[in-house]
Amino acid sequence: ASAFAFGGWDGGCEPDAVIAAGVDTEALRGQPGGALELEASAPAASDVVMVDLDDDGDLDAILATPEGAQWLAR
């Protein structure tokens, strides 16, 4: 992986993750017991940060892709 971010992607108690890699980016939802389940895929990225950009109470993922910044809204 090139970069990863952990946070409350869906407002639940389990940590969620976004993993940016050279081939693709995966958004993973935390499950009870600690497992991570694939929720969505996105283009390859070199960096990722999770922040609530739209002020809705859920974190959004911002990816640094070769085409520029890409916002994965939640």
N, C-alpha and C. Protein backbone atom coordinates (compact mmCIF):
# COMPACT_ATOMS: atom_id res chain seq x y z
N ALA A 1 0.84 -1.19 0.00
CA ALA A 1 0.00 0.00 0.00
C ALA A 1 0.88 1.24 0.00
N SER A 2 0.41 2.25 -0.69
CA SER A 2 1.11 3.53 -0.71
C SER A 2 0.76 4.36 0.51
N ALA A 3 -0.52 4.32 0.91
CA ALA A 3 -0.98 5.11 2.05
C ALA A 3 -2.27 4.50 2.59
N PHE A 4 -2.56 4.80 3.84
CA PHE A 4 -3.82 4.34 4.41
C PHE A 4 -4.30 5.34 5.45
N ALA A 5 -5.61 5.33 5.69
CA ALA A 5 -6.22 6.18 6.71
C ALA A 5 -7.29 5.38 7.42
N PHE A 6 -7.36 5.56 8.72
CA PHE A 6 -8.40 4.92 9.53
C PHE A 6 -9.28 5.99 10.13
N GLY A 7 -10.56 5.69 10.26
CA GLY A 7 -11.48 6.64 10.87
C GLY A 7 -12.88 6.09 10.89
N GLY A 8 -13.81 6.90 11.32
CA GLY A 8 -15.22 6.52 11.38
C GLY A 8 -15.91 6.83 10.07
N TRP A 9 -15.72 5.99 9.09
CA TRP A 9 -16.29 6.19 7.75
C TRP A 9 -17.81 6.19 7.77
N ASP A 10 -18.41 5.35 8.61
CA ASP A 10 -19.87 5.20 8.59
C ASP A 10 -20.53 5.59 9.91
N GLY A 11 -19.82 6.18 10.83
CA GLY A 11 -20.42 6.60 12.09
C GLY A 11 -20.59 5.49 13.10
N GLY A 12 -20.18 4.27 12.78
CA GLY A 12 -20.27 3.16 13.72
C GLY A 12 -19.10 3.18 14.69
N CYS A 13 -19.08 2.24 15.60
CA CYS A 13 -18.01 2.17 16.59
C CYS A 13 -16.76 1.48 16.05
N GLU A 14 -16.91 0.65 15.01
CA GLU A 14 -15.77 -0.07 14.47
C GLU A 14 -14.97 0.85 13.55
N PRO A 15 -13.63 0.79 13.61
CA PRO A 15 -12.83 1.63 12.72
C PRO A 15 -12.96 1.16 11.28
N ASP A 16 -13.03 2.12 10.37
CA ASP A 16 -13.08 1.86 8.94
C ASP A 16 -11.74 2.28 8.35
N ALA A 17 -11.44 1.86 7.13
CA ALA A 17 -10.14 2.16 6.53
C ALA A 17 -10.28 2.46 5.05
N VAL A 18 -9.38 3.29 4.57
CA VAL A 18 -9.21 3.51 3.13
C VAL A 18 -7.74 3.23 2.85
N ILE A 19 -7.48 2.31 1.93
CA ILE A 19 -6.12 1.91 1.60
C ILE A 19 -5.85 2.29 0.15
N ALA A 20 -4.88 3.19 -0.05
CA ALA A 20 -4.49 3.63 -1.38
C ALA A 20 -3.27 2.83 -1.81
N ALA A 21 -3.32 2.30 -3.02
CA ALA A 21 -2.22 1.49 -3.53
C ALA A 21 -1.95 1.86 -4.98
N GLY A 22 -0.90 1.31 -5.53
CA GLY A 22 -0.53 1.61 -6.90
C GLY A 22 -1.52 1.12 -7.94
N VAL A 23 -2.31 0.10 -7.62
CA VAL A 23 -3.24 -0.47 -8.58
C VAL A 23 -4.64 0.09 -8.41
N ASP A 24 -5.13 0.12 -7.18
CA ASP A 24 -6.46 0.68 -6.90
C ASP A 24 -6.52 1.11 -5.44
N THR A 25 -7.64 1.69 -5.07
CA THR A 25 -7.87 2.13 -3.70
C THR A 25 -9.11 1.41 -3.19
N GLU A 26 -9.06 0.94 -1.96
CA GLU A 26 -10.19 0.21 -1.39
C GLU A 26 -10.69 0.91 -0.14
N ALA A 27 -12.01 1.09 -0.06
CA ALA A 27 -12.67 1.58 1.14
C ALA A 27 -13.22 0.36 1.87
N LEU A 28 -12.83 0.19 3.11
CA LEU A 28 -13.19 -0.99 3.89
C LEU A 28 -14.00 -0.58 5.12
N ARG A 29 -15.10 -1.26 5.34
CA ARG A 29 -15.97 -0.97 6.49
C ARG A 29 -15.63 -1.94 7.62
N GLY A 30 -15.41 -1.39 8.82
CA GLY A 30 -15.12 -2.21 9.99
C GLY A 30 -16.35 -3.00 10.43
N GLN A 31 -16.13 -4.25 10.76
CA GLN A 31 -17.20 -5.15 11.19
C GLN A 31 -16.99 -5.51 12.67
N PRO A 32 -18.06 -5.89 13.37
CA PRO A 32 -17.88 -6.36 14.75
C PRO A 32 -16.87 -7.50 14.79
N GLY A 33 -15.99 -7.49 15.76
CA GLY A 33 -14.96 -8.51 15.86
C GLY A 33 -13.66 -8.11 15.21
N GLY A 34 -13.63 -6.98 14.50
CA GLY A 34 -12.39 -6.47 13.94
C GLY A 34 -12.15 -6.72 12.47
N ALA A 35 -13.00 -7.49 11.80
CA ALA A 35 -12.80 -7.74 10.37
C ALA A 35 -13.11 -6.48 9.56
N LEU A 36 -12.50 -6.36 8.39
CA LEU A 36 -12.78 -5.27 7.46
C LEU A 36 -13.42 -5.85 6.21
N GLU A 37 -14.50 -5.23 5.74
CA GLU A 37 -15.25 -5.70 4.58
C GLU A 37 -15.16 -4.65 3.47
N LEU A 38 -14.86 -5.09 2.24
CA LEU A 38 -14.76 -4.17 1.11
C LEU A 38 -16.10 -3.50 0.87
N GLU A 39 -16.10 -2.17 0.85
CA GLU A 39 -17.31 -1.40 0.59
C GLU A 39 -17.29 -0.78 -0.80
N ALA A 40 -16.12 -0.29 -1.23
CA ALA A 40 -16.03 0.37 -2.53
C ALA A 40 -14.59 0.35 -3.01
N SER A 41 -14.42 0.47 -4.33
CA SER A 41 -13.11 0.61 -4.94
C SER A 41 -13.05 1.93 -5.67
N ALA A 42 -11.83 2.46 -5.80
CA ALA A 42 -11.62 3.73 -6.48
C ALA A 42 -10.30 3.64 -7.24
N PRO A 43 -9.99 4.64 -8.06
CA PRO A 43 -8.75 4.61 -8.83
C PRO A 43 -7.50 4.58 -7.94
N ALA A 44 -6.39 4.22 -8.54
CA ALA A 44 -5.11 4.20 -7.83
C ALA A 44 -4.81 5.58 -7.25
N ALA A 45 -4.19 5.60 -6.08
CA ALA A 45 -3.84 6.86 -5.43
C ALA A 45 -2.52 6.70 -4.70
N SER A 46 -1.82 7.82 -4.52
CA SER A 46 -0.55 7.79 -3.80
C SER A 46 -0.69 8.24 -2.35
N ASP A 47 -1.82 8.87 -2.02
CA ASP A 47 -2.05 9.32 -0.65
C ASP A 47 -3.54 9.41 -0.38
N VAL A 48 -3.91 9.36 0.88
CA VAL A 48 -5.32 9.45 1.28
C VAL A 48 -5.41 10.12 2.64
N VAL A 49 -6.45 10.90 2.82
CA VAL A 49 -6.74 11.52 4.11
C VAL A 49 -8.25 11.45 4.32
N MET A 50 -8.67 11.27 5.58
CA MET A 50 -10.11 11.24 5.88
C MET A 50 -10.45 12.47 6.71
N VAL A 51 -11.45 13.24 6.23
CA VAL A 51 -11.88 14.47 6.89
C VAL A 51 -13.35 14.71 6.51
N ASP A 52 -14.10 15.36 7.36
CA ASP A 52 -15.51 15.66 7.07
C ASP A 52 -15.60 16.95 6.26
N LEU A 53 -15.47 16.84 4.94
CA LEU A 53 -15.48 18.03 4.07
C LEU A 53 -16.85 18.67 3.93
N ASP A 54 -17.91 17.88 3.93
CA ASP A 54 -19.25 18.44 3.69
C ASP A 54 -20.03 18.69 4.98
N ASP A 55 -19.36 18.56 6.13
CA ASP A 55 -19.94 18.88 7.43
C ASP A 55 -21.24 18.13 7.72
N ASP A 56 -21.28 16.84 7.31
CA ASP A 56 -22.48 16.03 7.56
C ASP A 56 -22.28 15.07 8.73
N GLY A 57 -21.13 15.11 9.37
CA GLY A 57 -20.86 14.24 10.50
C GLY A 57 -20.17 12.95 10.14
N ASP A 58 -20.04 12.63 8.85
CA ASP A 58 -19.33 11.43 8.39
C ASP A 58 -18.03 11.86 7.73
N LEU A 59 -16.97 11.07 7.95
CA LEU A 59 -15.71 11.37 7.30
C LEU A 59 -15.81 11.07 5.81
N ASP A 60 -15.12 11.86 5.01
CA ASP A 60 -14.99 11.66 3.57
C ASP A 60 -13.52 11.35 3.30
N ALA A 61 -13.24 10.61 2.25
CA ALA A 61 -11.86 10.29 1.89
C ALA A 61 -11.45 11.15 0.71
N ILE A 62 -10.28 11.77 0.81
CA ILE A 62 -9.69 12.54 -0.27
C ILE A 62 -8.47 11.77 -0.75
N LEU A 63 -8.47 11.45 -2.04
CA LEU A 63 -7.38 10.67 -2.64
C LEU A 63 -6.51 11.56 -3.51
N ALA A 64 -5.21 11.34 -3.47
CA ALA A 64 -4.27 11.99 -4.39
C ALA A 64 -4.03 11.02 -5.54
N THR A 65 -4.67 11.28 -6.69
CA THR A 65 -4.55 10.41 -7.86
C THR A 65 -3.69 11.10 -8.92
N PRO A 66 -3.24 10.38 -9.93
CA PRO A 66 -2.47 11.02 -11.01
C PRO A 66 -3.26 12.13 -11.72
N GLU A 67 -4.58 12.05 -11.70
CA GLU A 67 -5.42 13.06 -12.34
C GLU A 67 -5.73 14.23 -11.41
N GLY A 68 -5.32 14.16 -10.15
CA GLY A 68 -5.60 15.21 -9.17
C GLY A 68 -6.37 14.64 -7.99
N ALA A 69 -6.84 15.52 -7.14
CA ALA A 69 -7.56 15.09 -5.94
C ALA A 69 -8.92 14.52 -6.31
N GLN A 70 -9.30 13.43 -5.66
CA GLN A 70 -10.61 12.82 -5.85
C GLN A 70 -11.28 12.68 -4.49
N TRP A 71 -12.53 13.10 -4.40
CA TRP A 71 -13.29 13.10 -3.15
C TRP A 71 -14.22 11.90 -3.14
N LEU A 72 -14.08 11.05 -2.13
CA LEU A 72 -15.01 9.94 -1.93
C LEU A 72 -15.94 10.35 -0.79
N ALA A 73 -17.10 10.88 -1.13
CA ALA A 73 -18.05 11.34 -0.12
C ALA A 73 -18.75 10.16 0.52
N ARG A 74 -19.05 10.29 1.78
CA ARG A 74 -19.77 9.25 2.50
C ARG A 74 -21.06 9.83 2.99
